[in-house]
Structure formats: structure tokens, C-alpha cells
Amino acid sequence: MKLSMRLTAPLLMVALSSCAGIDYAKSNYGGLPQQQFNTSSGQSFQIIDNPARGRLMISPGSGGSTTEGFVRGLGMGVANSLVATPPVVYRDAAEQYLRSTGRNCTAQDVTAILDPRYEVRYRCFGGRTNQDRMLGPVGSN
């Protein structure tokens, strides 16, 4: 009897936290457009931006390359080992996305909503970035 309670309690906690994560995502991101974004390294992400709150929700893109195989094989050669994608990967992707929209923003923190969906809280500074500086001078060949 004690063994079944020890096994049931963690499963119940996971189920309850999943419901809370879904409710949170719906109330904060429901109705906002979802965008596909590819980082400079080619990783694909799904992003829902909520600029009014200074937060975005990010998850692996439809290709799944972000989590599947991102850190595959780091377990000293153990076949098919898979380690969860570290939050810093989501933070870096979020910052690249924000720059691609022309905003000068930095990620403040990354919080798991419902694995593999994360929320990135960001802060923007002084308007738009200079796109010409990022892409090079106009007219240079």
C-alpha cells in the first residue's frame, strides 16, 4: 500500500502541474499568432510573442531538431542517450528572434511552462535596433 502511494503521488503532481501549465499558456498566449523561427544555426522554434507583457512562449519547431538529437550521445557514447535541451538554448533563440523583429531586447529569465514549452521574460530598451548596422551599409556590394 505504501509503495503504491509513493508511486501515485509524483504522477498526481505531474498531472496537476501539466493542467496548470496548460491553463497558464491559454490565458497568457491564447489568440496570439504562433510563428516559426529559425536561428542562425538552423534550429527551428515555434514562438508566440506577447509584447504587451514582455514575454514569449517558445518551443521546438516542427522539425523537432532542437530537442531530438541536440545533445544526443553526450552520455559517454551511450547509444540513443538524450538530454533535455538546456534553457539557455531557448533564451538565445528568443534573443535572436527579438533582434529579428527590430527590437533591442534582452532575455531576463527562462521558465518551464510545460516541457518542452518555455516562457522567456524579456526587457526592451530604447526603440528599434538599427537594421542597417546589423545587415551592413546600404548599397555596399
C-alpha atoms as a PDB file:
ATOM      1  CA  MET A   1       0.000   0.000   0.000  1.00  0.00           C
ATOM      2  CA  LYS A   2       2.781   2.460   0.860  1.00  0.00           C
ATOM      3  CA  LEU A   3       4.589   1.666  -2.397  1.00  0.00           C
ATOM      4  CA  SER A   4       1.525   2.482  -4.497  1.00  0.00           C
ATOM      5  CA  MET A   5       1.089   5.808  -2.680  1.00  0.00           C
ATOM      6  CA  ARG A   6       4.731   6.682  -3.300  1.00  0.00           C
ATOM      7  CA  LEU A   7       4.244   5.993  -6.999  1.00  0.00           C
ATOM      8  CA  THR A   8       0.871   7.728  -7.254  1.00  0.00           C
ATOM      9  CA  ALA A   9       1.842  10.994  -5.544  1.00  0.00           C
ATOM     10  CA  PRO A  10       4.505  12.001  -8.101  1.00  0.00           C
ATOM     11  CA  LEU A  11       2.215  11.108 -11.006  1.00  0.00           C
ATOM     12  CA  LEU A  12      -0.564  13.192  -9.487  1.00  0.00           C
ATOM     13  CA  MET A  13       1.806  16.144  -9.066  1.00  0.00           C
ATOM     14  CA  VAL A  14       2.864  15.880 -12.718  1.00  0.00           C
ATOM     15  CA  ALA A  15      -0.771  15.773 -13.850  1.00  0.00           C
ATOM     16  CA  LEU A  16      -1.693  18.802 -11.742  1.00  0.00           C
ATOM     17  CA  SER A  17       1.310  20.816 -12.902  1.00  0.00           C
ATOM     18  CA  SER A  18       0.500  19.928 -16.520  1.00  0.00           C
ATOM     19  CA  CYS A  19      -3.021  21.316 -16.110  1.00  0.00           C
ATOM     20  CA  ALA A  20      -1.657  24.482 -14.518  1.00  0.00           C
ATOM     21  CA  GLY A  21       0.839  24.908 -17.374  1.00  0.00           C
ATOM     22  CA  ILE A  22      -1.881  24.481 -19.991  1.00  0.00           C
ATOM     23  CA  ASP A  23      -4.165  26.971 -18.230  1.00  0.00           C
ATOM     24  CA  TYR A  24      -1.300  29.465 -17.927  1.00  0.00           C
ATOM     25  CA  ALA A  25      -0.406  29.136 -21.616  1.00  0.00           C
ATOM     26  CA  LYS A  26      -4.041  29.562 -22.690  1.00  0.00           C
ATOM     27  CA  SER A  27      -4.654  32.620 -20.522  1.00  0.00           C
ATOM     28  CA  ASN A  28      -1.391  34.389 -21.486  1.00  0.00           C
ATOM     29  CA  TYR A  29      -0.899  33.311 -25.108  1.00  0.00           C
ATOM     30  CA  GLY A  30      -4.325  32.212 -26.353  1.00  0.00           C
ATOM     31  CA  GLY A  31      -5.332  34.049 -29.510  1.00  0.00           C
ATOM     32  CA  LEU A  32      -1.834  35.370 -30.242  1.00  0.00           C
ATOM     33  CA  PRO A  33      -0.190  34.322 -33.524  1.00  0.00           C
ATOM     34  CA  GLN A  34       2.325  31.489 -33.490  1.00  0.00           C
ATOM     35  CA  GLN A  35       5.425  31.963 -35.618  1.00  0.00           C
ATOM     36  CA  GLN A  36       8.062  29.609 -36.943  1.00  0.00           C
ATOM     37  CA  PHE A  37      11.571  30.965 -36.339  1.00  0.00           C
ATOM     38  CA  ASN A  38      14.922  29.552 -37.444  1.00  0.00           C
ATOM     39  CA  THR A  39      18.063  30.592 -35.586  1.00  0.00           C
ATOM     40  CA  SER A  40      21.341  31.423 -37.278  1.00  0.00           C
ATOM     41  CA  SER A  41      22.486  27.863 -36.503  1.00  0.00           C
ATOM     42  CA  GLY A  42      19.439  26.420 -38.291  1.00  0.00           C
ATOM     43  CA  GLN A  43      17.455  25.313 -35.237  1.00  0.00           C
ATOM     44  CA  SER A  44      13.698  25.635 -35.590  1.00  0.00           C
ATOM     45  CA  PHE A  45      11.389  27.059 -32.906  1.00  0.00           C
ATOM     46  CA  GLN A  46       7.718  27.901 -32.511  1.00  0.00           C
ATOM     47  CA  ILE A  47       7.281  31.298 -30.836  1.00  0.00           C
ATOM     48  CA  ILE A  48       4.232  33.102 -29.514  1.00  0.00           C
ATOM     49  CA  ASP A  49       5.153  36.654 -28.572  1.00  0.00           C
ATOM     50  CA  ASN A  50       3.174  38.712 -26.058  1.00  0.00           C
ATOM     51  CA  PRO A  51       4.842  42.149 -26.299  1.00  0.00           C
ATOM     52  CA  ALA A  52       2.261  43.747 -24.019  1.00  0.00           C
ATOM     53  CA  ARG A  53       3.576  41.552 -21.181  1.00  0.00           C
ATOM     54  CA  GLY A  54       7.222  41.444 -22.328  1.00  0.00           C
ATOM     55  CA  ARG A  55       7.113  37.662 -22.551  1.00  0.00           C
ATOM     56  CA  LEU A  56       7.130  34.991 -25.200  1.00  0.00           C
ATOM     57  CA  MET A  57       6.488  31.270 -25.233  1.00  0.00           C
ATOM     58  CA  ILE A  58       8.975  29.189 -27.161  1.00  0.00           C
ATOM     59  CA  SER A  59       9.111  25.502 -28.045  1.00  0.00           C
ATOM     60  CA  PRO A  60      10.916  23.292 -30.543  1.00  0.00           C
ATOM     61  CA  GLY A  61       9.842  23.860 -34.129  1.00  0.00           C
ATOM     62  CA  SER A  62       8.006  21.403 -36.283  1.00  0.00           C
ATOM     63  CA  GLY A  63      11.263  19.736 -37.299  1.00  0.00           C
ATOM     64  CA  GLY A  64      11.944  18.724 -33.695  1.00  0.00           C
ATOM     65  CA  SER A  65      15.685  19.136 -34.210  1.00  0.00           C
ATOM     66  CA  THR A  66      16.006  21.329 -31.142  1.00  0.00           C
ATOM     67  CA  THR A  67      15.332  18.590 -28.629  1.00  0.00           C
ATOM     68  CA  GLU A  68      15.764  15.454 -30.704  1.00  0.00           C
ATOM     69  CA  GLY A  69      19.441  14.843 -31.003  1.00  0.00           C
ATOM     70  CA  PHE A  70      20.602  18.261 -29.822  1.00  0.00           C
ATOM     71  CA  VAL A  71      22.652  16.695 -27.061  1.00  0.00           C
ATOM     72  CA  ARG A  72      22.402  13.114 -28.283  1.00  0.00           C
ATOM     73  CA  GLY A  73      25.325  10.898 -27.411  1.00  0.00           C
ATOM     74  CA  LEU A  74      26.886  13.042 -24.698  1.00  0.00           C
ATOM     75  CA  GLY A  75      26.470  10.164 -22.237  1.00  0.00           C
ATOM     76  CA  MET A  76      29.996   8.873 -22.896  1.00  0.00           C
ATOM     77  CA  GLY A  77      28.932   7.163 -26.106  1.00  0.00           C
ATOM     78  CA  VAL A  78      25.813   5.516 -24.739  1.00  0.00           C
ATOM     79  CA  ALA A  79      23.603   4.774 -27.725  1.00  0.00           C
ATOM     80  CA  ASN A  80      20.439   6.847 -28.045  1.00  0.00           C
ATOM     81  CA  SER A  81      21.085   8.891 -24.910  1.00  0.00           C
ATOM     82  CA  LEU A  82      19.096  12.120 -24.954  1.00  0.00           C
ATOM     83  CA  VAL A  83      19.479  15.014 -22.559  1.00  0.00           C
ATOM     84  CA  ALA A  84      16.858  17.739 -22.331  1.00  0.00           C
ATOM     85  CA  THR A  85      17.678  20.957 -24.131  1.00  0.00           C
ATOM     86  CA  PRO A  86      19.108  23.446 -21.643  1.00  0.00           C
ATOM     87  CA  PRO A  87      17.066  26.636 -21.049  1.00  0.00           C
ATOM     88  CA  VAL A  88      19.982  28.749 -22.343  1.00  0.00           C
ATOM     89  CA  VAL A  89      19.242  27.425 -25.845  1.00  0.00           C
ATOM     90  CA  TYR A  90      15.696  28.804 -25.612  1.00  0.00           C
ATOM     91  CA  ARG A  91      16.989  32.099 -24.194  1.00  0.00           C
ATOM     92  CA  ASP A  92      19.477  32.543 -27.035  1.00  0.00           C
ATOM     93  CA  ALA A  93      16.841  31.677 -29.648  1.00  0.00           C
ATOM     94  CA  ALA A  94      14.407  34.151 -28.068  1.00  0.00           C
ATOM     95  CA  GLU A  95      17.000  36.932 -28.190  1.00  0.00           C
ATOM     96  CA  GLN A  96      17.730  36.170 -31.856  1.00  0.00           C
ATOM     97  CA  TYR A  97      14.002  36.265 -32.585  1.00  0.00           C
ATOM     98  CA  LEU A  98      13.581  39.606 -30.802  1.00  0.00           C
ATOM     99  CA  ARG A  99      16.508  41.100 -32.750  1.00  0.00           C
ATOM    100  CA  SER A 100      14.953  39.825 -35.989  1.00  0.00           C
ATOM    101  CA  THR A 101      11.843  41.902 -35.219  1.00  0.00           C
ATOM    102  CA  GLY A 102      13.991  45.026 -34.886  1.00  0.00           C
ATOM    103  CA  ARG A 103      13.617  45.327 -31.122  1.00  0.00           C
ATOM    104  CA  ASN A 104      16.563  45.901 -28.789  1.00  0.00           C
ATOM    105  CA  CYS A 105      15.699  43.380 -26.053  1.00  0.00           C
ATOM    106  CA  THR A 106      17.419  41.025 -23.640  1.00  0.00           C
ATOM    107  CA  ALA A 107      16.022  37.905 -22.017  1.00  0.00           C
ATOM    108  CA  GLN A 108      15.626  38.253 -18.265  1.00  0.00           C
ATOM    109  CA  ASP A 109      14.777  34.650 -17.378  1.00  0.00           C
ATOM    110  CA  VAL A 110      13.501  31.375 -18.804  1.00  0.00           C
ATOM    111  CA  THR A 111      10.802  29.354 -17.038  1.00  0.00           C
ATOM    112  CA  ALA A 112       9.390  25.957 -17.966  1.00  0.00           C
ATOM    113  CA  ILE A 113       5.651  26.146 -18.605  1.00  0.00           C
ATOM    114  CA  LEU A 114       5.074  22.628 -19.854  1.00  0.00           C
ATOM    115  CA  ASP A 115       8.058  20.709 -21.201  1.00  0.00           C
ATOM    116  CA  PRO A 116       9.210  21.458 -23.895  1.00  0.00           C
ATOM    117  CA  ARG A 117       7.453  24.840 -23.789  1.00  0.00           C
ATOM    118  CA  TYR A 118       9.255  27.659 -22.023  1.00  0.00           C
ATOM    119  CA  GLU A 119       8.384  31.233 -21.237  1.00  0.00           C
ATOM    120  CA  VAL A 120      11.052  33.869 -21.750  1.00  0.00           C
ATOM    121  CA  ARG A 121      10.553  37.155 -19.913  1.00  0.00           C
ATOM    122  CA  TYR A 122      12.307  39.943 -21.797  1.00  0.00           C
ATOM    123  CA  ARG A 123      13.002  43.629 -21.454  1.00  0.00           C
ATOM    124  CA  CYS A 124      13.365  46.045 -24.356  1.00  0.00           C
ATOM    125  CA  PHE A 125      15.421  49.216 -24.430  1.00  0.00           C
ATOM    126  CA  GLY A 126      15.049  52.451 -26.400  1.00  0.00           C
ATOM    127  CA  GLY A 127      13.125  51.574 -29.516  1.00  0.00           C
ATOM    128  CA  ARG A 128      14.226  49.677 -32.576  1.00  0.00           C
ATOM    129  CA  THR A 129      17.709  48.451 -33.414  1.00  0.00           C
ATOM    130  CA  ASN A 130      19.478  49.841 -36.464  1.00  0.00           C
ATOM    131  CA  GLN A 131      18.804  47.201 -39.106  1.00  0.00           C
ATOM    132  CA  ASP A 132      21.422  48.702 -41.476  1.00  0.00           C
ATOM    133  CA  ARG A 133      24.109  48.163 -38.833  1.00  0.00           C
ATOM    134  CA  MET A 134      23.089  44.528 -38.480  1.00  0.00           C
ATOM    135  CA  LEU A 135      22.949  43.898 -42.235  1.00  0.00           C
ATOM    136  CA  GLY A 136      25.733  46.222 -43.348  1.00  0.00           C
ATOM    137  CA  PRO A 137      25.624  49.608 -45.075  1.00  0.00           C
ATOM    138  CA  VAL A 138      23.020  50.158 -47.765  1.00  0.00           C
ATOM    139  CA  GLY A 139      24.460  49.926 -51.261  1.00  0.00           C
ATOM    140  CA  SER A 140      27.674  48.077 -50.370  1.00  0.00           C
ATOM    141  CA  ASN A 141      28.411  45.131 -52.612  1.00  0.00           C
END
